[in-house]
Each structure stands twice: as structure tokens, then as C-alpha cells.
Amino acid sequence: MDGVDKIFAPLKGRPLLAWTVATFENNPLVDEIVVAVHRQAIQQGRALAQTDGWKKVSQVCRGGQRRQDSVREALWRLGKCDWVLVHDGARPCIDAGLIERGLDAARETGAAIPAMPVVETVKRGDERALVTETLDRQGLWLVQTPQVFRYDILWDAYKDPADEATDDAALVERRGMPVKLFRGSAKNLKVTLPEDLERVAAYLPVNPEPPSPAHPEPHIPAHPEPVEG
């Protein structure tokens, strides 16, 4: 994104990540936050935590090469608790209702993910970009975050670091655990391309609340970084 890590891309006067964290920071159901960022962005992330006065962010740590590596590192640093919400920092339009619905849904099975039903026609193509199949969209869902799990369920799913997955729920599913779908939000967009910033900006407040300098600075532990294998 023009050489800028997308989670630090400017969005309505603030870094994108600031919008994302603020929703969790201001939610009474959330007790602690661990933010995993690219290793080259750790100081930038910690500086943002100080500037914005994040009180619930206990650590800003280095993510891994793969998504699951980053989540596993954050889980280890978080330590055992009751519930974990794993959220993509590039989804700044999350709201309190989505968090509450996720926790309610997860109480049924121990694992729940937000999703939207597929409403458009879906086709499969080959390497020549020729259609090979039209899929039945009945029962297909587009998955979002935050994905909600009991800590012990997700930690067990991450015991094998060699497992490949595009989301956390896939690892849980492979262990035969049921994962509940709950209604996501059309506003809960993920920023991937520069043009996505304009789309998500339409759903954010016009006048963001500025960080208060009167807030005491949070303590962000400077834990040693894990050794790369």
C-alpha cells in the first residue's frame, strides 16, 4: 500500500489500527488486548499505544511469517484466560454488537465465527480463466473476524505449528470441534487495497474522539522477542 503497512495507513486522521483497537479498548466485555504486528513495526505499534493511551493493551508483539504464527505468538503472550477474540487489525469497522454476538454464540459450542451468507453467483475457473463449474451458493458463507473461542480450545488447535490454515476456525474444525456461525456485518470490511480505505471511511465517525493526554500512559512490557527457527 504505497510502501506503508496497511494497518498503519492513514484513515480519517488516524492510523487504521487505532480505529480497530479503540472498539475493543472501549468495550467492557474485553479485559486485555495483545496486538501482533510485523517485526519492523513493533516500535511504531508501541508508540501508537502510548499516543492513544491504550490501557487494555498489555503487549505489542512481533507477528510471524504466517497468520497462524502471529496468532500463536499472541496466545502465548496473552496466557490462559476464559475467552479469546481473534480479530484482523485491517477490519476497523467492527462494532460492539459484533463482539457481543460472538461471545453469545461461542457459549454454545466453545467456538464461533462471524459470517455473511453468499448472495452472488459463485463460479470455479481453471488456469486459463475459463469457467469449470457454477457452485451452489446455498449454505456458503463469507467469513469475517473476530473469531471467538474458549482459550483452551484454540490453544490446543495451535499445538502443531506446521498446520496451515487461512483462519483460526479451520484449525479447530480439523480437531472435530463444532464451530458456530453467527451473523457478521456488511460494514465489517477488510482493508486489502488502497481503494478499500475510502470504502471503510464511509462507516467511521466523522469526528473521531482524539486521544486524551490526561490519561496515564499504559505500561507496554518489553518482553524479549522469540527466537526465529
C-alpha atoms as a PDB file:
ATOM      1  CA  MET A   1       0.000   0.000   0.000  1.00  0.00           C
ATOM      2  CA  ASP A   2       2.470   2.591  -1.300  1.00  0.00           C
ATOM      3  CA  GLY A   3       5.141   1.165   0.987  1.00  0.00           C
ATOM      4  CA  VAL A   4       3.017   1.643   4.128  1.00  0.00           C
ATOM      5  CA  ASP A   5       1.925  -1.264   6.321  1.00  0.00           C
ATOM      6  CA  LYS A   6      -1.826  -1.271   5.760  1.00  0.00           C
ATOM      7  CA  ILE A   7      -2.710  -1.322   9.457  1.00  0.00           C
ATOM      8  CA  PHE A   8      -0.850   1.979   9.855  1.00  0.00           C
ATOM      9  CA  ALA A   9      -2.312   3.568   6.728  1.00  0.00           C
ATOM     10  CA  PRO A  10      -3.884   6.989   7.462  1.00  0.00           C
ATOM     11  CA  LEU A  11      -7.646   6.748   7.811  1.00  0.00           C
ATOM     12  CA  LYS A  12      -9.667   9.862   8.652  1.00  0.00           C
ATOM     13  CA  GLY A  13      -6.820  11.419  10.585  1.00  0.00           C
ATOM     14  CA  ARG A  14      -5.708   8.318  12.485  1.00  0.00           C
ATOM     15  CA  PRO A  15      -3.773   5.136  11.699  1.00  0.00           C
ATOM     16  CA  LEU A  16      -6.146   2.363  10.651  1.00  0.00           C
ATOM     17  CA  LEU A  17      -5.080   0.225  13.623  1.00  0.00           C
ATOM     18  CA  ALA A  18      -6.155   2.961  16.051  1.00  0.00           C
ATOM     19  CA  TRP A  19      -9.753   2.625  14.872  1.00  0.00           C
ATOM     20  CA  THR A  20      -9.665  -1.157  15.251  1.00  0.00           C
ATOM     21  CA  VAL A  21      -8.169  -1.221  18.736  1.00  0.00           C
ATOM     22  CA  ALA A  22     -10.456   1.561  20.006  1.00  0.00           C
ATOM     23  CA  THR A  23     -13.552  -0.619  19.691  1.00  0.00           C
ATOM     24  CA  PHE A  24     -12.032  -3.321  21.892  1.00  0.00           C
ATOM     25  CA  GLU A  25     -10.448  -0.776  24.230  1.00  0.00           C
ATOM     26  CA  ASN A  26     -13.844   0.804  24.907  1.00  0.00           C
ATOM     27  CA  ASN A  27     -15.773  -2.475  25.270  1.00  0.00           C
ATOM     28  CA  PRO A  28     -16.486  -3.555  28.873  1.00  0.00           C
ATOM     29  CA  LEU A  29     -16.530  -7.224  27.800  1.00  0.00           C
ATOM     30  CA  VAL A  30     -12.833  -7.055  26.847  1.00  0.00           C
ATOM     31  CA  ASP A  31     -10.243  -7.198  29.635  1.00  0.00           C
ATOM     32  CA  GLU A  32      -6.902  -7.440  27.821  1.00  0.00           C
ATOM     33  CA  ILE A  33      -5.567  -6.891  24.305  1.00  0.00           C
ATOM     34  CA  VAL A  34      -2.399  -8.249  22.670  1.00  0.00           C
ATOM     35  CA  VAL A  35      -1.505  -6.646  19.339  1.00  0.00           C
ATOM     36  CA  ALA A  36       0.708  -8.614  16.924  1.00  0.00           C
ATOM     37  CA  VAL A  37       2.409  -6.583  14.200  1.00  0.00           C
ATOM     38  CA  HIS A  38       5.169  -7.064  11.642  1.00  0.00           C
ATOM     39  CA  ARG A  39       8.552  -7.137  13.373  1.00  0.00           C
ATOM     40  CA  GLN A  40       9.608  -3.929  11.619  1.00  0.00           C
ATOM     41  CA  ALA A  41       6.516  -2.157  13.007  1.00  0.00           C
ATOM     42  CA  ILE A  42       6.865  -3.035  16.686  1.00  0.00           C
ATOM     43  CA  GLN A  43       8.178   0.379  17.742  1.00  0.00           C
ATOM     44  CA  GLN A  44       5.527   2.085  15.634  1.00  0.00           C
ATOM     45  CA  GLY A  45       2.844  -0.028  17.290  1.00  0.00           C
ATOM     46  CA  ARG A  46       4.143   0.661  20.794  1.00  0.00           C
ATOM     47  CA  ALA A  47       4.349   4.372  20.054  1.00  0.00           C
ATOM     48  CA  LEU A  48       0.714   4.330  18.916  1.00  0.00           C
ATOM     49  CA  ALA A  49      -0.270   2.568  22.131  1.00  0.00           C
ATOM     50  CA  GLN A  50       1.356   5.379  24.107  1.00  0.00           C
ATOM     51  CA  THR A  51      -0.116   8.145  21.963  1.00  0.00           C
ATOM     52  CA  ASP A  52      -3.651   6.792  22.042  1.00  0.00           C
ATOM     53  CA  GLY A  53      -3.478   5.845  25.729  1.00  0.00           C
ATOM     54  CA  TRP A  54      -4.454   2.206  25.299  1.00  0.00           C
ATOM     55  CA  LYS A  55      -4.976   0.870  28.816  1.00  0.00           C
ATOM     56  CA  LYS A  56      -6.014  -2.678  27.907  1.00  0.00           C
ATOM     57  CA  VAL A  57      -3.149  -3.358  25.507  1.00  0.00           C
ATOM     58  CA  SER A  58      -0.732  -5.381  27.624  1.00  0.00           C
ATOM     59  CA  GLN A  59       1.721  -6.098  24.805  1.00  0.00           C
ATOM     60  CA  VAL A  60       2.557  -5.143  21.246  1.00  0.00           C
ATOM     61  CA  CYS A  61       4.468  -8.147  19.955  1.00  0.00           C
ATOM     62  CA  ARG A  62       6.081  -9.394  16.781  1.00  0.00           C
ATOM     63  CA  GLY A  63       3.916 -11.445  14.442  1.00  0.00           C
ATOM     64  CA  GLY A  64       5.162 -14.410  12.423  1.00  0.00           C
ATOM     65  CA  GLN A  65       5.551 -15.170   8.742  1.00  0.00           C
ATOM     66  CA  ARG A  66       2.099 -16.757   8.596  1.00  0.00           C
ATOM     67  CA  ARG A  67      -1.171 -15.670  10.109  1.00  0.00           C
ATOM     68  CA  GLN A  68      -1.270 -18.671  12.430  1.00  0.00           C
ATOM     69  CA  ASP A  69       2.260 -17.900  13.632  1.00  0.00           C
ATOM     70  CA  SER A  70       1.113 -14.432  14.707  1.00  0.00           C
ATOM     71  CA  VAL A  71      -1.958 -15.762  16.498  1.00  0.00           C
ATOM     72  CA  ARG A  72       0.012 -18.464  18.273  1.00  0.00           C
ATOM     73  CA  GLU A  73       2.544 -15.902  19.487  1.00  0.00           C
ATOM     74  CA  ALA A  74      -0.221 -13.616  20.747  1.00  0.00           C
ATOM     75  CA  LEU A  75      -1.950 -16.520  22.526  1.00  0.00           C
ATOM     76  CA  TRP A  76       1.275 -17.454  24.286  1.00  0.00           C
ATOM     77  CA  ARG A  77       1.816 -13.878  25.423  1.00  0.00           C
ATOM     78  CA  LEU A  78      -1.802 -13.466  26.497  1.00  0.00           C
ATOM     79  CA  GLY A  79      -1.720 -16.510  28.740  1.00  0.00           C
ATOM     80  CA  LYS A  80      -4.605 -18.672  29.847  1.00  0.00           C
ATOM     81  CA  CYS A  81      -7.984 -16.968  30.155  1.00  0.00           C
ATOM     82  CA  ASP A  82     -11.621 -17.860  29.530  1.00  0.00           C
ATOM     83  CA  TRP A  83     -12.343 -16.432  26.077  1.00  0.00           C
ATOM     84  CA  VAL A  84     -10.261 -15.183  23.171  1.00  0.00           C
ATOM     85  CA  LEU A  85     -11.389 -12.991  20.273  1.00  0.00           C
ATOM     86  CA  VAL A  86      -9.012 -13.098  17.310  1.00  0.00           C
ATOM     87  CA  HIS A  87      -9.519 -10.063  15.090  1.00  0.00           C
ATOM     88  CA  ASP A  88      -7.855  -8.836  11.918  1.00  0.00           C
ATOM     89  CA  GLY A  89      -6.377  -5.396  12.546  1.00  0.00           C
ATOM     90  CA  ALA A  90      -7.276  -4.423   8.972  1.00  0.00           C
ATOM     91  CA  ARG A  91     -11.016  -4.522   9.837  1.00  0.00           C
ATOM     92  CA  PRO A  92     -11.539  -1.133  11.533  1.00  0.00           C
ATOM     93  CA  CYS A  93     -15.350  -1.008  11.312  1.00  0.00           C
ATOM     94  CA  ILE A  94     -16.063  -3.636  13.957  1.00  0.00           C
ATOM     95  CA  ASP A  95     -18.724  -2.603  16.457  1.00  0.00           C
ATOM     96  CA  ALA A  96     -19.702  -3.602  19.988  1.00  0.00           C
ATOM     97  CA  GLY A  97     -22.687  -5.597  18.784  1.00  0.00           C
ATOM     98  CA  LEU A  98     -20.471  -7.945  16.780  1.00  0.00           C
ATOM     99  CA  ILE A  99     -18.320  -8.653  19.840  1.00  0.00           C
ATOM    100  CA  GLU A 100     -21.369  -9.331  21.998  1.00  0.00           C
ATOM    101  CA  ARG A 101     -22.992 -11.619  19.410  1.00  0.00           C
ATOM    102  CA  GLY A 102     -19.752 -13.532  19.025  1.00  0.00           C
ATOM    103  CA  LEU A 103     -19.405 -14.216  22.734  1.00  0.00           C
ATOM    104  CA  ASP A 104     -23.058 -15.257  22.983  1.00  0.00           C
ATOM    105  CA  ALA A 105     -22.714 -17.664  20.043  1.00  0.00           C
ATOM    106  CA  ALA A 106     -19.447 -19.162  21.309  1.00  0.00           C
ATOM    107  CA  ARG A 107     -21.000 -20.135  24.628  1.00  0.00           C
ATOM    108  CA  GLU A 108     -22.976 -22.809  22.769  1.00  0.00           C
ATOM    109  CA  THR A 109     -20.016 -24.721  21.298  1.00  0.00           C
ATOM    110  CA  GLY A 110     -16.863 -23.032  22.560  1.00  0.00           C
ATOM    111  CA  ALA A 111     -16.102 -21.628  19.096  1.00  0.00           C
ATOM    112  CA  ALA A 112     -17.944 -19.141  16.874  1.00  0.00           C
ATOM    113  CA  ILE A 113     -17.172 -17.088  13.772  1.00  0.00           C
ATOM    114  CA  PRO A 114     -18.980 -14.145  12.140  1.00  0.00           C
ATOM    115  CA  ALA A 115     -20.020 -14.659   8.552  1.00  0.00           C
ATOM    116  CA  MET A 116     -22.285 -13.312   5.835  1.00  0.00           C
ATOM    117  CA  PRO A 117     -24.266 -15.607   3.537  1.00  0.00           C
ATOM    118  CA  VAL A 118     -23.104 -15.611  -0.087  1.00  0.00           C
ATOM    119  CA  VAL A 119     -25.697 -13.758  -2.172  1.00  0.00           C
ATOM    120  CA  GLU A 120     -23.920 -13.601  -5.530  1.00  0.00           C
ATOM    121  CA  THR A 121     -23.274 -16.322  -8.077  1.00  0.00           C
ATOM    122  CA  VAL A 122     -20.018 -18.194  -7.451  1.00  0.00           C
ATOM    123  CA  LYS A 123     -18.084 -19.919 -10.234  1.00  0.00           C
ATOM    124  CA  ARG A 124     -14.929 -22.010 -10.279  1.00  0.00           C
ATOM    125  CA  GLY A 125     -12.360 -21.343 -13.021  1.00  0.00           C
ATOM    126  CA  ASP A 126      -9.247 -23.055 -14.328  1.00  0.00           C
ATOM    127  CA  GLU A 127      -5.742 -21.741 -15.001  1.00  0.00           C
ATOM    128  CA  ARG A 128      -6.955 -20.338 -18.330  1.00  0.00           C
ATOM    129  CA  ALA A 129      -9.668 -18.307 -16.587  1.00  0.00           C
ATOM    130  CA  LEU A 130     -12.374 -20.490 -18.116  1.00  0.00           C
ATOM    131  CA  VAL A 131     -15.410 -21.445 -16.053  1.00  0.00           C
ATOM    132  CA  THR A 132     -15.371 -25.089 -14.993  1.00  0.00           C
ATOM    133  CA  GLU A 133     -18.274 -25.095 -12.575  1.00  0.00           C
ATOM    134  CA  THR A 134     -21.067 -22.988 -11.111  1.00  0.00           C
ATOM    135  CA  LEU A 135     -21.272 -23.633  -7.395  1.00  0.00           C
ATOM    136  CA  ASP A 136     -24.448 -23.923  -5.382  1.00  0.00           C
ATOM    137  CA  ARG A 137     -24.275 -20.916  -3.065  1.00  0.00           C
ATOM    138  CA  GLN A 138     -26.797 -22.449  -0.674  1.00  0.00           C
ATOM    139  CA  GLY A 139     -25.002 -22.913   2.629  1.00  0.00           C
ATOM    140  CA  LEU A 140     -21.917 -20.880   1.610  1.00  0.00           C
ATOM    141  CA  TRP A 141     -20.704 -18.141   3.930  1.00  0.00           C
ATOM    142  CA  LEU A 142     -18.084 -15.390   3.725  1.00  0.00           C
ATOM    143  CA  VAL A 143     -16.158 -15.469   6.998  1.00  0.00           C
ATOM    144  CA  GLN A 144     -15.067 -12.399   8.965  1.00  0.00           C
ATOM    145  CA  THR A 145     -13.441 -11.690  12.318  1.00  0.00           C
ATOM    146  CA  PRO A 146     -13.440 -11.519  15.319  1.00  0.00           C
ATOM    147  CA  GLN A 147     -13.433 -15.284  15.682  1.00  0.00           C
ATOM    148  CA  VAL A 148     -14.294 -16.280  19.244  1.00  0.00           C
ATOM    149  CA  PHE A 149     -13.003 -19.316  21.131  1.00  0.00           C
ATOM    150  CA  ARG A 150     -12.541 -20.730  24.562  1.00  0.00           C
ATOM    151  CA  TYR A 151      -8.846 -20.261  25.202  1.00  0.00           C
ATOM    152  CA  ASP A 152      -8.154 -23.965  25.799  1.00  0.00           C
ATOM    153  CA  ILE A 153      -9.831 -24.968  22.523  1.00  0.00           C
ATOM    154  CA  LEU A 154      -7.821 -22.527  20.438  1.00  0.00           C
ATOM    155  CA  TRP A 155      -4.540 -23.237  22.246  1.00  0.00           C
ATOM    156  CA  ASP A 156      -4.966 -26.979  21.605  1.00  0.00           C
ATOM    157  CA  ALA A 157      -5.648 -26.246  17.929  1.00  0.00           C
ATOM    158  CA  TYR A 158      -2.335 -24.377  17.703  1.00  0.00           C
ATOM    159  CA  LYS A 159      -0.176 -27.110  19.235  1.00  0.00           C
ATOM    160  CA  ASP A 160       1.052 -28.251  15.817  1.00  0.00           C
ATOM    161  CA  PRO A 161       2.898 -25.247  14.313  1.00  0.00           C
ATOM    162  CA  ALA A 162       3.143 -26.985  10.931  1.00  0.00           C
ATOM    163  CA  ASP A 163      -0.600 -26.815  10.329  1.00  0.00           C
ATOM    164  CA  GLU A 164      -1.606 -24.476   7.508  1.00  0.00           C
ATOM    165  CA  ALA A 165      -4.870 -22.558   7.667  1.00  0.00           C
ATOM    166  CA  THR A 166      -6.336 -19.300   6.400  1.00  0.00           C
ATOM    167  CA  ASP A 167      -8.290 -18.766   9.612  1.00  0.00           C
ATOM    168  CA  ASP A 168      -8.329 -19.994  13.190  1.00  0.00           C
ATOM    169  CA  ALA A 169     -11.617 -21.843  12.868  1.00  0.00           C
ATOM    170  CA  ALA A 170     -10.127 -24.198  10.256  1.00  0.00           C
ATOM    171  CA  LEU A 171      -7.622 -25.489  12.809  1.00  0.00           C
ATOM    172  CA  VAL A 172     -10.385 -26.025  15.358  1.00  0.00           C
ATOM    173  CA  GLU A 173     -12.555 -27.793  12.774  1.00  0.00           C
ATOM    174  CA  ARG A 174      -9.751 -30.260  11.969  1.00  0.00           C
ATOM    175  CA  ARG A 175      -9.857 -31.446  15.540  1.00  0.00           C
ATOM    176  CA  GLY A 176     -13.516 -32.333  15.212  1.00  0.00           C
ATOM    177  CA  MET A 177     -14.785 -29.401  17.240  1.00  0.00           C
ATOM    178  CA  PRO A 178     -18.073 -27.750  16.222  1.00  0.00           C
ATOM    179  CA  VAL A 179     -17.829 -24.100  15.158  1.00  0.00           C
ATOM    180  CA  LYS A 180     -20.930 -21.930  15.322  1.00  0.00           C
ATOM    181  CA  LEU A 181     -21.699 -19.372  12.611  1.00  0.00           C
ATOM    182  CA  PHE A 182     -23.213 -16.085  13.701  1.00  0.00           C
ATOM    183  CA  ARG A 183     -24.333 -13.103  11.669  1.00  0.00           C
ATOM    184  CA  GLY A 184     -21.497 -10.778  10.700  1.00  0.00           C
ATOM    185  CA  SER A 185     -21.813  -7.243   9.405  1.00  0.00           C
ATOM    186  CA  ALA A 186     -21.771  -5.786   5.902  1.00  0.00           C
ATOM    187  CA  LYS A 187     -19.780  -2.874   7.374  1.00  0.00           C
ATOM    188  CA  ASN A 188     -17.067  -5.143   8.763  1.00  0.00           C
ATOM    189  CA  LEU A 189     -14.868  -4.741   5.689  1.00  0.00           C
ATOM    190  CA  LYS A 190     -11.221  -5.762   5.427  1.00  0.00           C
ATOM    191  CA  VAL A 191      -8.718  -3.280   4.020  1.00  0.00           C
ATOM    192  CA  THR A 192      -6.540  -5.024   1.444  1.00  0.00           C
ATOM    193  CA  LEU A 193      -6.142  -2.474  -1.364  1.00  0.00           C
ATOM    194  CA  PRO A 194      -5.711   1.330  -1.217  1.00  0.00           C
ATOM    195  CA  GLU A 195      -9.216   1.858  -2.583  1.00  0.00           C
ATOM    196  CA  ASP A 196     -10.638  -0.074   0.394  1.00  0.00           C
ATOM    197  CA  LEU A 197      -9.710   2.833   2.672  1.00  0.00           C
ATOM    198  CA  GLU A 198     -12.335   5.032   1.060  1.00  0.00           C
ATOM    199  CA  ARG A 199     -14.965   2.318   1.481  1.00  0.00           C
ATOM    200  CA  VAL A 200     -14.361   1.787   5.188  1.00  0.00           C
ATOM    201  CA  ALA A 201     -14.064   5.531   5.843  1.00  0.00           C
ATOM    202  CA  ALA A 202     -17.740   5.865   4.955  1.00  0.00           C
ATOM    203  CA  TYR A 203     -18.650   3.755   8.006  1.00  0.00           C
ATOM    204  CA  LEU A 204     -16.434   5.519  10.543  1.00  0.00           C
ATOM    205  CA  PRO A 205     -17.394   8.557  12.662  1.00  0.00           C
ATOM    206  CA  VAL A 206     -16.984  11.969  11.061  1.00  0.00           C
ATOM    207  CA  ASN A 207     -15.180  13.431  14.061  1.00  0.00           C
ATOM    208  CA  PRO A 208     -13.083  10.800  15.829  1.00  0.00           C
ATOM    209  CA  GLU A 209     -12.516  11.287  19.542  1.00  0.00           C
ATOM    210  CA  PRO A 210      -8.889  12.381  19.956  1.00  0.00           C
ATOM    211  CA  PRO A 211      -6.630  10.602  22.425  1.00  0.00           C
ATOM    212  CA  SER A 212      -6.657  12.261  25.826  1.00  0.00           C
ATOM    213  CA  PRO A 213      -3.230  13.379  27.064  1.00  0.00           C
ATOM    214  CA  ALA A 214      -4.644  13.326  30.584  1.00  0.00           C
ATOM    215  CA  HIS A 215      -4.807   9.526  30.536  1.00  0.00           C
ATOM    216  CA  PRO A 216      -1.869   7.833  32.257  1.00  0.00           C
ATOM    217  CA  GLU A 217       0.448   6.145  29.840  1.00  0.00           C
ATOM    218  CA  PRO A 218      -0.109   2.374  29.690  1.00  0.00           C
ATOM    219  CA  HIS A 219       2.729   0.035  30.554  1.00  0.00           C
ATOM    220  CA  ILE A 220       3.701  -1.957  27.477  1.00  0.00           C
ATOM    221  CA  PRO A 221       6.045  -4.732  28.681  1.00  0.00           C
ATOM    222  CA  ALA A 222       9.170  -5.013  26.548  1.00  0.00           C
ATOM    223  CA  HIS A 223       9.309  -8.803  26.530  1.00  0.00           C
ATOM    224  CA  PRO A 224      12.203 -10.415  24.668  1.00  0.00           C
ATOM    225  CA  GLU A 225      11.308 -11.341  21.140  1.00  0.00           C
ATOM    226  CA  PRO A 226      11.003 -15.056  20.334  1.00  0.00           C
ATOM    227  CA  VAL A 227      13.878 -16.718  18.547  1.00  0.00           C
ATOM    228  CA  GLU A 228      13.129 -17.488  14.947  1.00  0.00           C
ATOM    229  CA  GLY A 229      13.559 -21.090  13.874  1.00  0.00           C
END
